[in-house]
Amino acid sequence: MSIEKKDLKYIYVIAGKNLKRIRKEHNLTQIQLADLIGYEESTISNIEARPHRSFSLEFLYIISIKLNVPMEEFFKPID
C-alpha cells in the first residue's frame, strides 16, 4: 500500500521511518527495543515496515522516555 504526502495517514509513515532511524542510532535491534518498552517485536516491525499501520502517541512517548529522545524527533520530515 502506497501512502502519499497528502494522505492523512502519512504521519504514520513519518513516525515509522523516524522510529527506525532512532532505534538504529541507539544501536538497538527491533527485539531489544521491544524488550525495553514492553511490546512485541512484531509491533516494532509492523510500525517500521507498514506505513498504513496506526499506533498511539503513548507508544511513541514510552520510547521517547526510555531512549531520552524528544517527541518531536518522531515527526521530523523525511526524504
PDB file of N, CA and C in Angstrom:
ATOM      1  N   MET A   1       0.848  -1.181   0.000  1.00  0.00           N
ATOM      2  CA  MET A   1       0.000   0.000   0.000  1.00  0.00           C
ATOM      3  C   MET A   1       0.888   1.237   0.000  1.00  0.00           C
ATOM      4  N   SER A   2       0.670   2.099  -0.957  1.00  0.00           N
ATOM      5  CA  SER A   2       1.453   3.320  -1.071  1.00  0.00           C
ATOM      6  C   SER A   2       0.687   4.489  -0.445  1.00  0.00           C
ATOM      7  N   ILE A   3       1.381   5.240   0.377  1.00  0.00           N
ATOM      8  CA  ILE A   3       0.775   6.393   1.042  1.00  0.00           C
ATOM      9  C   ILE A   3       1.475   7.646   0.522  1.00  0.00           C
ATOM     10  N   GLU A   4       0.706   8.598   0.064  1.00  0.00           N
ATOM     11  CA  GLU A   4       1.261   9.851  -0.446  1.00  0.00           C
ATOM     12  C   GLU A   4       1.224  10.921   0.636  1.00  0.00           C
ATOM     13  N   LYS A   5       2.022  11.963   0.452  1.00  0.00           N
ATOM     14  CA  LYS A   5       2.119  13.035   1.441  1.00  0.00           C
ATOM     15  C   LYS A   5       0.782  13.680   1.755  1.00  0.00           C
ATOM     16  N   LYS A   6      -0.123  13.734   0.800  1.00  0.00           N
ATOM     17  CA  LYS A   6      -1.418  14.381   1.034  1.00  0.00           C
ATOM     18  C   LYS A   6      -2.376  13.503   1.845  1.00  0.00           C
ATOM     19  N   ASP A   7      -2.050  12.226   1.978  1.00  0.00           N
ATOM     20  CA  ASP A   7      -2.878  11.288   2.729  1.00  0.00           C
ATOM     21  C   ASP A   7      -2.759  11.582   4.227  1.00  0.00           C
ATOM     22  N   LEU A   8      -3.859  11.526   4.941  1.00  0.00           N
ATOM     23  CA  LEU A   8      -3.843  11.791   6.379  1.00  0.00           C
ATOM     24  C   LEU A   8      -3.007  10.778   7.148  1.00  0.00           C
ATOM     25  N   LYS A   9      -2.863   9.570   6.621  1.00  0.00           N
ATOM     26  CA  LYS A   9      -2.068   8.546   7.288  1.00  0.00           C
ATOM     27  C   LYS A   9      -0.565   8.723   7.060  1.00  0.00           C
ATOM     28  N   TYR A  10      -0.175   9.721   6.285  1.00  0.00           N
ATOM     29  CA  TYR A  10       1.245   9.943   6.018  1.00  0.00           C
ATOM     30  C   TYR A  10       2.035  10.202   7.301  1.00  0.00           C
ATOM     31  N   ILE A  11       1.388  10.711   8.324  1.00  0.00           N
ATOM     32  CA  ILE A  11       2.061  10.955   9.604  1.00  0.00           C
ATOM     33  C   ILE A  11       2.628   9.657  10.169  1.00  0.00           C
ATOM     34  N   TYR A  12       1.962   8.520   9.891  1.00  0.00           N
ATOM     35  CA  TYR A  12       2.449   7.228  10.363  1.00  0.00           C
ATOM     36  C   TYR A  12       3.688   6.785   9.581  1.00  0.00           C
ATOM     37  N   VAL A  13       3.763   7.173   8.319  1.00  0.00           N
ATOM     38  CA  VAL A  13       4.955   6.901   7.513  1.00  0.00           C
ATOM     39  C   VAL A  13       6.143   7.647   8.128  1.00  0.00           C
ATOM     40  N   ILE A  14       5.941   8.919   8.409  1.00  0.00           N
ATOM     41  CA  ILE A  14       6.998   9.746   9.002  1.00  0.00           C
ATOM     42  C   ILE A  14       7.439   9.173  10.344  1.00  0.00           C
ATOM     43  N   ALA A  15       6.499   8.895  11.205  1.00  0.00           N
ATOM     44  CA  ALA A  15       6.835   8.393  12.540  1.00  0.00           C
ATOM     45  C   ALA A  15       7.502   7.023  12.464  1.00  0.00           C
ATOM     46  N   GLY A  16       7.040   6.156  11.575  1.00  0.00           N
ATOM     47  CA  GLY A  16       7.632   4.828  11.436  1.00  0.00           C
ATOM     48  C   GLY A  16       9.065   4.883  10.949  1.00  0.00           C
ATOM     49  N   LYS A  17       9.323   5.730   9.969  1.00  0.00           N
ATOM     50  CA  LYS A  17      10.688   5.856   9.452  1.00  0.00           C
ATOM     51  C   LYS A  17      11.604   6.502  10.488  1.00  0.00           C
ATOM     52  N   ASN A  18      11.088   7.467  11.213  1.00  0.00           N
ATOM     53  CA  ASN A  18      11.898   8.084  12.261  1.00  0.00           C
ATOM     54  C   ASN A  18      12.123   7.125  13.425  1.00  0.00           C
ATOM     55  N   LEU A  19      11.150   6.294  13.721  1.00  0.00           N
ATOM     56  CA  LEU A  19      11.330   5.276  14.751  1.00  0.00           C
ATOM     57  C   LEU A  19      12.501   4.363  14.375  1.00  0.00           C
ATOM     58  N   LYS A  20      12.526   3.927  13.136  1.00  0.00           N
ATOM     59  CA  LYS A  20      13.616   3.061  12.673  1.00  0.00           C
ATOM     60  C   LYS A  20      14.956   3.779  12.773  1.00  0.00           C
ATOM     61  N   ARG A  21      14.997   5.044  12.356  1.00  0.00           N
ATOM     62  CA  ARG A  21      16.229   5.840  12.439  1.00  0.00           C
ATOM     63  C   ARG A  21      16.711   5.961  13.883  1.00  0.00           C
ATOM     64  N   ILE A  22      15.793   6.299  14.769  1.00  0.00           N
ATOM     65  CA  ILE A  22      16.128   6.485  16.185  1.00  0.00           C
ATOM     66  C   ILE A  22      16.603   5.163  16.791  1.00  0.00           C
ATOM     67  N   ARG A  23      15.918   4.096  16.483  1.00  0.00           N
ATOM     68  CA  ARG A  23      16.299   2.777  17.004  1.00  0.00           C
ATOM     69  C   ARG A  23      17.724   2.427  16.576  1.00  0.00           C
ATOM     70  N   LYS A  24      18.019   2.647  15.302  1.00  0.00           N
ATOM     71  CA  LYS A  24      19.358   2.340  14.789  1.00  0.00           C
ATOM     72  C   LYS A  24      20.421   3.264  15.384  1.00  0.00           C
ATOM     73  N   GLU A  25      20.073   4.530  15.589  1.00  0.00           N
ATOM     74  CA  GLU A  25      21.020   5.467  16.223  1.00  0.00           C
ATOM     75  C   GLU A  25      21.390   5.014  17.634  1.00  0.00           C
ATOM     76  N   HIS A  26      20.477   4.299  18.269  1.00  0.00           N
ATOM     77  CA  HIS A  26      20.724   3.776  19.615  1.00  0.00           C
ATOM     78  C   HIS A  26      21.267   2.343  19.579  1.00  0.00           C
ATOM     79  N   ASN A  27      21.627   1.899  18.371  1.00  0.00           N
ATOM     80  CA  ASN A  27      22.201   0.560  18.186  1.00  0.00           C
ATOM     81  C   ASN A  27      21.351  -0.546  18.805  1.00  0.00           C
ATOM     82  N   LEU A  28      20.041  -0.438  18.586  1.00  0.00           N
ATOM     83  CA  LEU A  28      19.107  -1.436  19.102  1.00  0.00           C
ATOM     84  C   LEU A  28      18.492  -2.228  17.954  1.00  0.00           C
ATOM     85  N   THR A  29      18.315  -3.505  18.173  1.00  0.00           N
ATOM     86  CA  THR A  29      17.533  -4.305  17.244  1.00  0.00           C
ATOM     87  C   THR A  29      16.061  -4.093  17.574  1.00  0.00           C
ATOM     88  N   GLN A  30      15.199  -4.556  16.703  1.00  0.00           N
ATOM     89  CA  GLN A  30      13.764  -4.469  16.988  1.00  0.00           C
ATOM     90  C   GLN A  30      13.425  -5.256  18.247  1.00  0.00           C
ATOM     91  N   ILE A  31      14.055  -6.391  18.427  1.00  0.00           N
ATOM     92  CA  ILE A  31      13.808  -7.220  19.615  1.00  0.00           C
ATOM     93  C   ILE A  31      14.260  -6.496  20.881  1.00  0.00           C
ATOM     94  N   GLN A  32      15.426  -5.875  20.836  1.00  0.00           N
ATOM     95  CA  GLN A  32      15.930  -5.159  22.010  1.00  0.00           C
ATOM     96  C   GLN A  32      15.023  -3.990  22.379  1.00  0.00           C
ATOM     97  N   LEU A  33      14.576  -3.235  21.367  1.00  0.00           N
ATOM     98  CA  LEU A  33      13.675  -2.123  21.641  1.00  0.00           C
ATOM     99  C   LEU A  33      12.353  -2.627  22.208  1.00  0.00           C
ATOM    100  N   ALA A  34      11.829  -3.674  21.628  1.00  0.00           N
ATOM    101  CA  ALA A  34      10.570  -4.245  22.116  1.00  0.00           C
ATOM    102  C   ALA A  34      10.696  -4.678  23.577  1.00  0.00           C
ATOM    103  N   ASP A  35      11.788  -5.339  23.911  1.00  0.00           N
ATOM    104  CA  ASP A  35      12.010  -5.757  25.301  1.00  0.00           C
ATOM    105  C   ASP A  35      12.113  -4.551  26.227  1.00  0.00           C
ATOM    106  N   LEU A  36      12.791  -3.512  25.767  1.00  0.00           N
ATOM    107  CA  LEU A  36      12.984  -2.311  26.569  1.00  0.00           C
ATOM    108  C   LEU A  36      11.661  -1.622  26.900  1.00  0.00           C
ATOM    109  N   ILE A  37      10.748  -1.593  25.942  1.00  0.00           N
ATOM    110  CA  ILE A  37       9.494  -0.853  26.150  1.00  0.00           C
ATOM    111  C   ILE A  37       8.305  -1.745  26.507  1.00  0.00           C
ATOM    112  N   GLY A  38       8.513  -3.061  26.516  1.00  0.00           N
ATOM    113  CA  GLY A  38       7.449  -3.970  26.918  1.00  0.00           C
ATOM    114  C   GLY A  38       6.407  -4.248  25.842  1.00  0.00           C
ATOM    115  N   TYR A  39       6.825  -4.216  24.588  1.00  0.00           N
ATOM    116  CA  TYR A  39       5.956  -4.527  23.459  1.00  0.00           C
ATOM    117  C   TYR A  39       6.517  -5.739  22.722  1.00  0.00           C
ATOM    118  N   GLU A  40       5.729  -6.298  21.830  1.00  0.00           N
ATOM    119  CA  GLU A  40       6.183  -7.402  20.996  1.00  0.00           C
ATOM    120  C   GLU A  40       7.074  -6.874  19.880  1.00  0.00           C
ATOM    121  N   GLU A  41       8.036  -7.684  19.477  1.00  0.00           N
ATOM    122  CA  GLU A  41       8.916  -7.315  18.367  1.00  0.00           C
ATOM    123  C   GLU A  41       8.111  -7.084  17.100  1.00  0.00           C
ATOM    124  N   SER A  42       7.051  -7.853  16.913  1.00  0.00           N
ATOM    125  CA  SER A  42       6.215  -7.703  15.718  1.00  0.00           C
ATOM    126  C   SER A  42       5.564  -6.326  15.652  1.00  0.00           C
ATOM    127  N   THR A  43       5.300  -5.719  16.791  1.00  0.00           N
ATOM    128  CA  THR A  43       4.731  -4.367  16.813  1.00  0.00           C
ATOM    129  C   THR A  43       5.742  -3.381  16.227  1.00  0.00           C
ATOM    130  N   ILE A  44       6.980  -3.474  16.669  1.00  0.00           N
ATOM    131  CA  ILE A  44       8.030  -2.592  16.151  1.00  0.00           C
ATOM    132  C   ILE A  44       8.193  -2.820  14.652  1.00  0.00           C
ATOM    133  N   SER A  45       8.280  -4.069  14.272  1.00  0.00           N
ATOM    134  CA  SER A  45       8.457  -4.428  12.862  1.00  0.00           C
ATOM    135  C   SER A  45       7.333  -3.888  11.994  1.00  0.00           C
ATOM    136  N   ASN A  46       6.106  -4.065  12.435  1.00  0.00           N
ATOM    137  CA  ASN A  46       4.951  -3.587  11.669  1.00  0.00           C
ATOM    138  C   ASN A  46       4.947  -2.072  11.524  1.00  0.00           C
ATOM    139  N   ILE A  47       5.274  -1.373  12.568  1.00  0.00           N
ATOM    140  CA  ILE A  47       5.266   0.093  12.518  1.00  0.00           C
ATOM    141  C   ILE A  47       6.355   0.608  11.585  1.00  0.00           C
ATOM    142  N   GLU A  48       7.521  -0.032  11.623  1.00  0.00           N
ATOM    143  CA  GLU A  48       8.618   0.409  10.761  1.00  0.00           C
ATOM    144  C   GLU A  48       8.389   0.046   9.294  1.00  0.00           C
ATOM    145  N   ALA A  49       7.724  -1.065   9.035  1.00  0.00           N
ATOM    146  CA  ALA A  49       7.625  -1.587   7.663  1.00  0.00           C
ATOM    147  C   ALA A  49       6.295  -1.336   6.963  1.00  0.00           C
ATOM    148  N   ARG A  50       5.247  -1.088   7.713  1.00  0.00           N
ATOM    149  CA  ARG A  50       3.921  -0.937   7.108  1.00  0.00           C
ATOM    150  C   ARG A  50       3.394   0.471   7.350  1.00  0.00           C
ATOM    151  N   PRO A  51       3.503   1.326   6.344  1.00  0.00           N
ATOM    152  CA  PRO A  51       3.158   2.739   6.533  1.00  0.00           C
ATOM    153  C   PRO A  51       1.695   3.010   6.855  1.00  0.00           C
ATOM    154  N   HIS A  52       0.808   2.065   6.603  1.00  0.00           N
ATOM    155  CA  HIS A  52      -0.604   2.280   6.894  1.00  0.00           C
ATOM    156  C   HIS A  52      -0.948   1.883   8.324  1.00  0.00           C
ATOM    157  N   ARG A  53       0.001   1.328   9.035  1.00  0.00           N
ATOM    158  CA  ARG A  53      -0.222   0.849  10.400  1.00  0.00           C
ATOM    159  C   ARG A  53      -0.341   2.030  11.363  1.00  0.00           C
ATOM    160  N   SER A  54      -1.450   2.131  12.060  1.00  0.00           N
ATOM    161  CA  SER A  54      -1.611   3.223  13.022  1.00  0.00           C
ATOM    162  C   SER A  54      -1.201   2.747  14.419  1.00  0.00           C
ATOM    163  N   PHE A  55      -0.841   3.681  15.256  1.00  0.00           N
ATOM    164  CA  PHE A  55      -0.426   3.386  16.617  1.00  0.00           C
ATOM    165  C   PHE A  55      -0.628   4.639  17.455  1.00  0.00           C
ATOM    166  N   SER A  56      -0.505   4.497  18.751  1.00  0.00           N
ATOM    167  CA  SER A  56      -0.827   5.605  19.648  1.00  0.00           C
ATOM    168  C   SER A  56       0.377   6.496  19.927  1.00  0.00           C
ATOM    169  N   LEU A  57       0.070   7.706  20.311  1.00  0.00           N
ATOM    170  CA  LEU A  57       1.122   8.617  20.774  1.00  0.00           C
ATOM    171  C   LEU A  57       1.769   8.087  22.046  1.00  0.00           C
ATOM    172  N   GLU A  58       0.995   7.371  22.828  1.00  0.00           N
ATOM    173  CA  GLU A  58       1.534   6.777  24.052  1.00  0.00           C
ATOM    174  C   GLU A  58       2.709   5.846  23.726  1.00  0.00           C
ATOM    175  N   PHE A  59       2.581   5.089  22.642  1.00  0.00           N
ATOM    176  CA  PHE A  59       3.652   4.190  22.194  1.00  0.00           C
ATOM    177  C   PHE A  59       4.936   4.997  21.952  1.00  0.00           C
ATOM    178  N   LEU A  60       4.826   6.090  21.197  1.00  0.00           N
ATOM    179  CA  LEU A  60       5.993   6.933  20.928  1.00  0.00           C
ATOM    180  C   LEU A  60       6.511   7.594  22.202  1.00  0.00           C
ATOM    181  N   TYR A  61       5.605   7.963  23.073  1.00  0.00           N
ATOM    182  CA  TYR A  61       6.001   8.624  24.322  1.00  0.00           C
ATOM    183  C   TYR A  61       6.828   7.677  25.198  1.00  0.00           C
ATOM    184  N   ILE A  62       6.437   6.419  25.238  1.00  0.00           N
ATOM    185  CA  ILE A  62       7.188   5.423  26.014  1.00  0.00           C
ATOM    186  C   ILE A  62       8.611   5.308  25.465  1.00  0.00           C
ATOM    187  N   ILE A  63       8.730   5.234  24.147  1.00  0.00           N
ATOM    188  CA  ILE A  63      10.058   5.157  23.529  1.00  0.00           C
ATOM    189  C   ILE A  63      10.847   6.434  23.813  1.00  0.00           C
ATOM    190  N   SER A  64      10.176   7.564  23.717  1.00  0.00           N
ATOM    191  CA  SER A  64      10.803   8.851  23.995  1.00  0.00           C
ATOM    192  C   SER A  64      11.419   8.871  25.388  1.00  0.00           C
ATOM    193  N   ILE A  65      10.691   8.388  26.350  1.00  0.00           N
ATOM    194  CA  ILE A  65      11.174   8.366  27.735  1.00  0.00           C
ATOM    195  C   ILE A  65      12.321   7.371  27.894  1.00  0.00           C
ATOM    196  N   LYS A  66      12.126   6.161  27.394  1.00  0.00           N
ATOM    197  CA  LYS A  66      13.136   5.102  27.570  1.00  0.00           C
ATOM    198  C   LYS A  66      14.457   5.430  26.881  1.00  0.00           C
ATOM    199  N   LEU A  67      14.394   6.096  25.725  1.00  0.00           N
ATOM    200  CA  LEU A  67      15.611   6.410  24.977  1.00  0.00           C
ATOM    201  C   LEU A  67      16.070   7.853  25.168  1.00  0.00           C
ATOM    202  N   ASN A  68      15.330   8.601  25.981  1.00  0.00           N
ATOM    203  CA  ASN A  68      15.654  10.004  26.228  1.00  0.00           C
ATOM    204  C   ASN A  68      15.741  10.795  24.910  1.00  0.00           C
ATOM    205  N   VAL A  69      14.688  10.661  24.124  1.00  0.00           N
ATOM    206  CA  VAL A  69      14.594  11.313  22.812  1.00  0.00           C
ATOM    207  C   VAL A  69      13.370  12.235  22.836  1.00  0.00           C
ATOM    208  N   PRO A  70      13.522  13.485  22.425  1.00  0.00           N
ATOM    209  CA  PRO A  70      12.356  14.374  22.377  1.00  0.00           C
ATOM    210  C   PRO A  70      11.286  13.831  21.416  1.00  0.00           C
ATOM    211  N   MET A  71      10.047  14.000  21.757  1.00  0.00           N
ATOM    212  CA  MET A  71       8.931  13.524  20.924  1.00  0.00           C
ATOM    213  C   MET A  71       9.003  14.071  19.506  1.00  0.00           C
ATOM    214  N   GLU A  72       9.469  15.298  19.356  1.00  0.00           N
ATOM    215  CA  GLU A  72       9.496  15.884  18.012  1.00  0.00           C
ATOM    216  C   GLU A  72      10.426  15.131  17.059  1.00  0.00           C
ATOM    217  N   GLU A  73      11.344  14.339  17.588  1.00  0.00           N
ATOM    218  CA  GLU A  73      12.228  13.538  16.738  1.00  0.00           C
ATOM    219  C   GLU A  73      11.447  12.550  15.867  1.00  0.00           C
ATOM    220  N   PHE A  74      10.304  12.108  16.349  1.00  0.00           N
ATOM    221  CA  PHE A  74       9.488  11.147  15.606  1.00  0.00           C
ATOM    222  C   PHE A  74       8.751  11.795  14.437  1.00  0.00           C
ATOM    223  N   PHE A  75       8.722  13.108  14.409  1.00  0.00           N
ATOM    224  CA  PHE A  75       7.949  13.813  13.384  1.00  0.00           C
ATOM    225  C   PHE A  75       8.804  14.684  12.476  1.00  0.00           C
ATOM    226  N   LYS A  76      10.110  14.462  12.483  1.00  0.00           N
ATOM    227  CA  LYS A  76      11.000  15.199  11.583  1.00  0.00           C
ATOM    228  C   LYS A  76      10.680  14.817  10.151  1.00  0.00           C
ATOM    229  N   PRO A  77      10.744  15.795   9.242  1.00  0.00           N
ATOM    230  CA  PRO A  77      10.495  15.477   7.827  1.00  0.00           C
ATOM    231  C   PRO A  77      11.477  14.417   7.329  1.00  0.00           C
ATOM    232  N   ILE A  78      11.001  13.573   6.436  1.00  0.00           N
ATOM    233  CA  ILE A  78      11.839  12.517   5.864  1.00  0.00           C
ATOM    234  C   ILE A  78      12.041  12.785   4.378  1.00  0.00           C
ATOM    235  N   ASP A  79      13.072  12.189   3.852  1.00  0.00           N
ATOM    236  CA  ASP A  79      13.350  12.348   2.410  1.00  0.00           C
ATOM    237  C   ASP A  79      12.719  11.219   1.617  1.00  0.00           C
TER     238      ASP A  79
END
